[in-house]
Amino acid sequence: MVRLAAVRKSVTAPQAAQLFVDNVFRNHGLPEAFVSDRDPRFVSHFWQHLFRLLGTRLDMSTADHTQTDGQI
């Protein structure tokens, strides 16, 4: 499924986070927490703003922790 939103030429991290909430979570629900493997994409300003906006948390896994390897 693809969700498209009309935006200006450039979008800030807080604006992108709000678009994500409005167009993804509104239709699919909100998880209580995310688990990330510390990929730079999940440590970016966008994700920081998104989690703050949602009042949820991002749990970072530790290296070589087999229970969380491959989880997002």
PDB file of N, CA and C in Angstrom:
ATOM      1  N   MET A   1       0.844  -1.168   0.000  1.00  0.00           N
ATOM      2  CA  MET A   1       0.000   0.000   0.000  1.00  0.00           C
ATOM      3  C   MET A   1       0.891   1.232   0.000  1.00  0.00           C
ATOM      4  N   VAL A   2       0.513   2.220  -0.754  1.00  0.00           N
ATOM      5  CA  VAL A   2       1.268   3.462  -0.851  1.00  0.00           C
ATOM      6  C   VAL A   2       0.400   4.612  -0.376  1.00  0.00           C
ATOM      7  N   ARG A   3       0.965   5.485   0.429  1.00  0.00           N
ATOM      8  CA  ARG A   3       0.287   6.708   0.881  1.00  0.00           C
ATOM      9  C   ARG A   3       1.091   7.881   0.354  1.00  0.00           C
ATOM     10  N   LEU A   4       0.449   8.772  -0.371  1.00  0.00           N
ATOM     11  CA  LEU A   4       1.105   9.956  -0.904  1.00  0.00           C
ATOM     12  C   LEU A   4       0.502  11.194  -0.265  1.00  0.00           C
ATOM     13  N   ALA A   5       1.322  12.209  -0.066  1.00  0.00           N
ATOM     14  CA  ALA A   5       0.852  13.473   0.494  1.00  0.00           C
ATOM     15  C   ALA A   5       1.508  14.610  -0.277  1.00  0.00           C
ATOM     16  N   ALA A   6       0.725  15.610  -0.619  1.00  0.00           N
ATOM     17  CA  ALA A   6       1.263  16.785  -1.303  1.00  0.00           C
ATOM     18  C   ALA A   6       2.038  17.627  -0.295  1.00  0.00           C
ATOM     19  N   VAL A   7       3.276  17.953  -0.637  1.00  0.00           N
ATOM     20  CA  VAL A   7       4.122  18.753   0.248  1.00  0.00           C
ATOM     21  C   VAL A   7       4.860  19.805  -0.573  1.00  0.00           C
ATOM     22  N   ARG A   8       5.433  20.760   0.149  1.00  0.00           N
ATOM     23  CA  ARG A   8       6.281  21.754  -0.509  1.00  0.00           C
ATOM     24  C   ARG A   8       7.576  21.092  -0.965  1.00  0.00           C
ATOM     25  N   LYS A   9       8.417  21.883  -1.586  1.00  0.00           N
ATOM     26  CA  LYS A   9       9.668  21.355  -2.114  1.00  0.00           C
ATOM     27  C   LYS A   9      10.534  20.703  -1.034  1.00  0.00           C
ATOM     28  N   SER A  10      10.597  21.313   0.145  1.00  0.00           N
ATOM     29  CA  SER A  10      11.361  20.720   1.242  1.00  0.00           C
ATOM     30  C   SER A  10      10.474  20.629   2.476  1.00  0.00           C
ATOM     31  N   VAL A  11      10.718  19.598   3.258  1.00  0.00           N
ATOM     32  CA  VAL A  11       9.924  19.331   4.454  1.00  0.00           C
ATOM     33  C   VAL A  11      10.899  19.137   5.613  1.00  0.00           C
ATOM     34  N   THR A  12      10.607  19.765   6.750  1.00  0.00           N
ATOM     35  CA  THR A  12      11.457  19.604   7.931  1.00  0.00           C
ATOM     36  C   THR A  12      11.150  18.275   8.611  1.00  0.00           C
ATOM     37  N   ALA A  13      12.017  17.861   9.519  1.00  0.00           N
ATOM     38  CA  ALA A  13      11.790  16.619  10.265  1.00  0.00           C
ATOM     39  C   ALA A  13      10.481  16.670  11.045  1.00  0.00           C
ATOM     40  N   PRO A  14      10.166  17.767  11.761  1.00  0.00           N
ATOM     41  CA  PRO A  14       8.882  17.810  12.469  1.00  0.00           C
ATOM     42  C   PRO A  14       7.677  17.728  11.523  1.00  0.00           C
ATOM     43  N   GLN A  15       7.766  18.368  10.358  1.00  0.00           N
ATOM     44  CA  GLN A  15       6.672  18.299   9.384  1.00  0.00           C
ATOM     45  C   GLN A  15       6.526  16.886   8.831  1.00  0.00           C
ATOM     46  N   ALA A  16       7.644  16.227   8.549  1.00  0.00           N
ATOM     47  CA  ALA A  16       7.592  14.856   8.042  1.00  0.00           C
ATOM     48  C   ALA A  16       7.000  13.924   9.089  1.00  0.00           C
ATOM     49  N   ALA A  17       7.351  14.136  10.355  1.00  0.00           N
ATOM     50  CA  ALA A  17       6.791  13.316  11.431  1.00  0.00           C
ATOM     51  C   ALA A  17       5.282  13.495  11.511  1.00  0.00           C
ATOM     52  N   GLN A  18       4.807  14.733  11.384  1.00  0.00           N
ATOM     53  CA  GLN A  18       3.367  14.987  11.431  1.00  0.00           C
ATOM     54  C   GLN A  18       2.664  14.339  10.237  1.00  0.00           C
ATOM     55  N   LEU A  19       3.257  14.408   9.062  1.00  0.00           N
ATOM     56  CA  LEU A  19       2.689  13.746   7.883  1.00  0.00           C
ATOM     57  C   LEU A  19       2.598  12.239   8.103  1.00  0.00           C
ATOM     58  N   PHE A  20       3.621  11.668   8.710  1.00  0.00           N
ATOM     59  CA  PHE A  20       3.639  10.231   8.990  1.00  0.00           C
ATOM     60  C   PHE A  20       2.494   9.857   9.917  1.00  0.00           C
ATOM     61  N   VAL A  21       2.299  10.639  10.975  1.00  0.00           N
ATOM     62  CA  VAL A  21       1.203  10.392  11.915  1.00  0.00           C
ATOM     63  C   VAL A  21      -0.137  10.504  11.202  1.00  0.00           C
ATOM     64  N   ASP A  22      -0.304  11.568  10.434  1.00  0.00           N
ATOM     65  CA  ASP A  22      -1.581  11.822   9.761  1.00  0.00           C
ATOM     66  C   ASP A  22      -1.911  10.792   8.688  1.00  0.00           C
ATOM     67  N   ASN A  23      -0.897  10.254   8.034  1.00  0.00           N
ATOM     68  CA  ASN A  23      -1.153   9.385   6.892  1.00  0.00           C
ATOM     69  C   ASN A  23      -0.879   7.906   7.119  1.00  0.00           C
ATOM     70  N   VAL A  24      -0.155   7.543   8.150  1.00  0.00           N
ATOM     71  CA  VAL A  24       0.137   6.131   8.398  1.00  0.00           C
ATOM     72  C   VAL A  24      -0.546   5.643   9.668  1.00  0.00           C
ATOM     73  N   PHE A  25      -0.212   6.236  10.794  1.00  0.00           N
ATOM     74  CA  PHE A  25      -0.768   5.758  12.060  1.00  0.00           C
ATOM     75  C   PHE A  25      -2.266   5.968  12.158  1.00  0.00           C
ATOM     76  N   ARG A  26      -2.778   7.011  11.552  1.00  0.00           N
ATOM     77  CA  ARG A  26      -4.220   7.243  11.590  1.00  0.00           C
ATOM     78  C   ARG A  26      -4.974   6.073  10.951  1.00  0.00           C
ATOM     79  N   ASN A  27      -4.378   5.461   9.955  1.00  0.00           N
ATOM     80  CA  ASN A  27      -5.036   4.370   9.240  1.00  0.00           C
ATOM     81  C   ASN A  27      -4.648   2.977   9.735  1.00  0.00           C
ATOM     82  N   HIS A  28      -3.503   2.854  10.382  1.00  0.00           N
ATOM     83  CA  HIS A  28      -3.000   1.527  10.750  1.00  0.00           C
ATOM     84  C   HIS A  28      -2.794   1.335  12.245  1.00  0.00           C
ATOM     85  N   GLY A  29      -3.017   2.354  13.036  1.00  0.00           N
ATOM     86  CA  GLY A  29      -2.842   2.230  14.476  1.00  0.00           C
ATOM     87  C   GLY A  29      -1.434   2.578  14.919  1.00  0.00           C
ATOM     88  N   LEU A  30      -1.274   2.696  16.218  1.00  0.00           N
ATOM     89  CA  LEU A  30      -0.022   3.143  16.805  1.00  0.00           C
ATOM     90  C   LEU A  30       0.562   2.071  17.719  1.00  0.00           C
ATOM     91  N   PRO A  31       1.787   1.632  17.453  1.00  0.00           N
ATOM     92  CA  PRO A  31       2.418   0.670  18.354  1.00  0.00           C
ATOM     93  C   PRO A  31       2.865   1.362  19.641  1.00  0.00           C
ATOM     94  N   GLU A  32       2.997   0.606  20.707  1.00  0.00           N
ATOM     95  CA  GLU A  32       3.446   1.175  21.979  1.00  0.00           C
ATOM     96  C   GLU A  32       4.938   1.473  21.975  1.00  0.00           C
ATOM     97  N   ALA A  33       5.713   0.676  21.264  1.00  0.00           N
ATOM     98  CA  ALA A  33       7.163   0.879  21.231  1.00  0.00           C
ATOM     99  C   ALA A  33       7.724   0.323  19.935  1.00  0.00           C
ATOM    100  N   PHE A  34       8.883   0.824  19.559  1.00  0.00           N
ATOM    101  CA  PHE A  34       9.636   0.324  18.422  1.00  0.00           C
ATOM    102  C   PHE A  34      10.959  -0.200  18.966  1.00  0.00           C
ATOM    103  N   VAL A  35      11.501  -1.226  18.328  1.00  0.00           N
ATOM    104  CA  VAL A  35      12.839  -1.709  18.666  1.00  0.00           C
ATOM    105  C   VAL A  35      13.694  -1.518  17.428  1.00  0.00           C
ATOM    106  N   SER A  36      14.823  -0.846  17.579  1.00  0.00           N
ATOM    107  CA  SER A  36      15.697  -0.554  16.449  1.00  0.00           C
ATOM    108  C   SER A  36      17.087  -1.115  16.702  1.00  0.00           C
ATOM    109  N   ASP A  37      17.782  -1.433  15.622  1.00  0.00           N
ATOM    110  CA  ASP A  37      19.151  -1.944  15.724  1.00  0.00           C
ATOM    111  C   ASP A  37      20.179  -0.824  15.610  1.00  0.00           C
ATOM    112  N   ARG A  38      19.782   0.393  15.914  1.00  0.00           N
ATOM    113  CA  ARG A  38      20.634   1.585  15.883  1.00  0.00           C
ATOM    114  C   ARG A  38      21.024   2.004  14.474  1.00  0.00           C
ATOM    115  N   ASP A  39      20.264   1.595  13.503  1.00  0.00           N
ATOM    116  CA  ASP A  39      20.491   2.047  12.133  1.00  0.00           C
ATOM    117  C   ASP A  39      20.368   3.571  12.113  1.00  0.00           C
ATOM    118  N   PRO A  40      21.248   4.272  11.399  1.00  0.00           N
ATOM    119  CA  PRO A  40      21.185   5.739  11.371  1.00  0.00           C
ATOM    120  C   PRO A  40      19.818   6.287  10.951  1.00  0.00           C
ATOM    121  N   ARG A  41      19.082   5.531  10.153  1.00  0.00           N
ATOM    122  CA  ARG A  41      17.755   6.008   9.748  1.00  0.00           C
ATOM    123  C   ARG A  41      16.811   6.118  10.932  1.00  0.00           C
ATOM    124  N   PHE A  42      17.001   5.297  11.963  1.00  0.00           N
ATOM    125  CA  PHE A  42      16.124   5.344  13.126  1.00  0.00           C
ATOM    126  C   PHE A  42      16.628   6.292  14.207  1.00  0.00           C
ATOM    127  N   VAL A  43      17.818   6.818  14.044  1.00  0.00           N
ATOM    128  CA  VAL A  43      18.355   7.753  15.017  1.00  0.00           C
ATOM    129  C   VAL A  43      18.246   9.181  14.471  1.00  0.00           C
ATOM    130  N   SER A  44      17.694   9.326  13.292  1.00  0.00           N
ATOM    131  CA  SER A  44      17.602  10.624  12.625  1.00  0.00           C
ATOM    132  C   SER A  44      16.648  11.571  13.341  1.00  0.00           C
ATOM    133  N   HIS A  45      16.711  12.837  12.943  1.00  0.00           N
ATOM    134  CA  HIS A  45      15.823  13.856  13.517  1.00  0.00           C
ATOM    135  C   HIS A  45      14.365  13.513  13.276  1.00  0.00           C
ATOM    136  N   PHE A  46      14.041  12.956  12.115  1.00  0.00           N
ATOM    137  CA  PHE A  46      12.653  12.579  11.819  1.00  0.00           C
ATOM    138  C   PHE A  46      12.110  11.641  12.884  1.00  0.00           C
ATOM    139  N   TRP A  47      12.842  10.578  13.175  1.00  0.00           N
ATOM    140  CA  TRP A  47      12.361   9.589  14.140  1.00  0.00           C
ATOM    141  C   TRP A  47      12.298  10.167  15.544  1.00  0.00           C
ATOM    142  N   GLN A  48      13.274  10.999  15.913  1.00  0.00           N
ATOM    143  CA  GLN A  48      13.235  11.636  17.227  1.00  0.00           C
ATOM    144  C   GLN A  48      11.983  12.493  17.374  1.00  0.00           C
ATOM    145  N   HIS A  49      11.657  13.276  16.348  1.00  0.00           N
ATOM    146  CA  HIS A  49      10.451  14.107  16.386  1.00  0.00           C
ATOM    147  C   HIS A  49       9.196  13.250  16.387  1.00  0.00           C
ATOM    148  N   LEU A  50       9.202  12.187  15.614  1.00  0.00           N
ATOM    149  CA  LEU A  50       8.032  11.321  15.546  1.00  0.00           C
ATOM    150  C   LEU A  50       7.725  10.701  16.908  1.00  0.00           C
ATOM    151  N   PHE A  51       8.719  10.148  17.561  1.00  0.00           N
ATOM    152  CA  PHE A  51       8.481   9.513  18.859  1.00  0.00           C
ATOM    153  C   PHE A  51       8.061  10.532  19.911  1.00  0.00           C
ATOM    154  N   ARG A  52       8.625  11.723  19.865  1.00  0.00           N
ATOM    155  CA  ARG A  52       8.223  12.780  20.796  1.00  0.00           C
ATOM    156  C   ARG A  52       6.772  13.172  20.542  1.00  0.00           C
ATOM    157  N   LEU A  53       6.400  13.314  19.287  1.00  0.00           N
ATOM    158  CA  LEU A  53       5.039  13.681  18.906  1.00  0.00           C
ATOM    159  C   LEU A  53       4.037  12.625  19.354  1.00  0.00           C
ATOM    160  N   LEU A  54       4.421  11.367  19.266  1.00  0.00           N
ATOM    161  CA  LEU A  54       3.525  10.265  19.600  1.00  0.00           C
ATOM    162  C   LEU A  54       3.476   9.950  21.088  1.00  0.00           C
ATOM    163  N   GLY A  55       4.443  10.437  21.831  1.00  0.00           N
ATOM    164  CA  GLY A  55       4.494  10.099  23.246  1.00  0.00           C
ATOM    165  C   GLY A  55       4.863   8.639  23.464  1.00  0.00           C
ATOM    166  N   THR A  56       5.595   8.064  22.515  1.00  0.00           N
ATOM    167  CA  THR A  56       6.036   6.676  22.620  1.00  0.00           C
ATOM    168  C   THR A  56       7.549   6.661  22.757  1.00  0.00           C
ATOM    169  N   ARG A  57       8.150   5.501  22.690  1.00  0.00           N
ATOM    170  CA  ARG A  57       9.591   5.431  22.878  1.00  0.00           C
ATOM    171  C   ARG A  57      10.233   4.567  21.794  1.00  0.00           C
ATOM    172  N   LEU A  58      11.511   4.789  21.608  1.00  0.00           N
ATOM    173  CA  LEU A  58      12.313   3.987  20.697  1.00  0.00           C
ATOM    174  C   LEU A  58      13.317   3.229  21.538  1.00  0.00           C
ATOM    175  N   ASP A  59      13.225   1.911  21.559  1.00  0.00           N
ATOM    176  CA  ASP A  59      14.155   1.073  22.311  1.00  0.00           C
ATOM    177  C   ASP A  59      15.273   0.622  21.387  1.00  0.00           C
ATOM    178  N   MET A  60      16.498   0.934  21.751  1.00  0.00           N
ATOM    179  CA  MET A  60      17.650   0.543  20.951  1.00  0.00           C
ATOM    180  C   MET A  60      18.197  -0.785  21.451  1.00  0.00           C
ATOM    181  N   SER A  61      18.440  -1.692  20.531  1.00  0.00           N
ATOM    182  CA  SER A  61      19.027  -2.978  20.907  1.00  0.00           C
ATOM    183  C   SER A  61      20.533  -2.815  21.067  1.00  0.00           C
ATOM    184  N   THR A  62      21.151  -3.801  21.670  1.00  0.00           N
ATOM    185  CA  THR A  62      22.605  -3.792  21.813  1.00  0.00           C
ATOM    186  C   THR A  62      23.204  -4.734  20.776  1.00  0.00           C
ATOM    187  N   ALA A  63      24.459  -4.533  20.476  1.00  0.00           N
ATOM    188  CA  ALA A  63      25.136  -5.365  19.484  1.00  0.00           C
ATOM    189  C   ALA A  63      25.147  -6.824  19.928  1.00  0.00           C
ATOM    190  N   ASP A  64      25.014  -7.712  18.973  1.00  0.00           N
ATOM    191  CA  ASP A  64      25.056  -9.161  19.219  1.00  0.00           C
ATOM    192  C   ASP A  64      24.007  -9.633  20.215  1.00  0.00           C
ATOM    193  N   HIS A  65      22.867  -9.000  20.218  1.00  0.00           N
ATOM    194  CA  HIS A  65      21.762  -9.406  21.099  1.00  0.00           C
ATOM    195  C   HIS A  65      20.785 -10.190  20.234  1.00  0.00           C
ATOM    196  N   THR A  66      20.891 -11.510  20.263  1.00  0.00           N
ATOM    197  CA  THR A  66      20.161 -12.359  19.318  1.00  0.00           C
ATOM    198  C   THR A  66      18.649 -12.210  19.399  1.00  0.00           C
ATOM    199  N   GLN A  67      18.106 -11.819  20.540  1.00  0.00           N
ATOM    200  CA  GLN A  67      16.655 -11.692  20.662  1.00  0.00           C
ATOM    201  C   GLN A  67      16.110 -10.533  19.831  1.00  0.00           C
ATOM    202  N   THR A  68      16.949  -9.535  19.520  1.00  0.00           N
ATOM    203  CA  THR A  68      16.457  -8.388  18.757  1.00  0.00           C
ATOM    204  C   THR A  68      17.064  -8.281  17.369  1.00  0.00           C
ATOM    205  N   ASP A  69      17.975  -9.159  17.001  1.00  0.00           N
ATOM    206  CA  ASP A  69      18.558  -9.102  15.658  1.00  0.00           C
ATOM    207  C   ASP A  69      17.469  -9.222  14.603  1.00  0.00           C
ATOM    208  N   GLY A  70      17.462  -8.273  13.674  1.00  0.00           N
ATOM    209  CA  GLY A  70      16.497  -8.304  12.584  1.00  0.00           C
ATOM    210  C   GLY A  70      15.162  -7.664  12.902  1.00  0.00           C
ATOM    211  N   GLN A  71      14.930  -7.207  14.115  1.00  0.00           N
ATOM    212  CA  GLN A  71      13.667  -6.544  14.452  1.00  0.00           C
ATOM    213  C   GLN A  71      13.738  -5.072  14.090  1.00  0.00           C
ATOM    214  N   ILE A  72      12.579  -4.549  13.764  1.00  0.00           N
ATOM    215  CA  ILE A  72      12.456  -3.108  13.515  1.00  0.00           C
ATOM    216  C   ILE A  72      11.352  -2.592  14.384  1.00  0.00           C
TER     217      ILE A  72
END
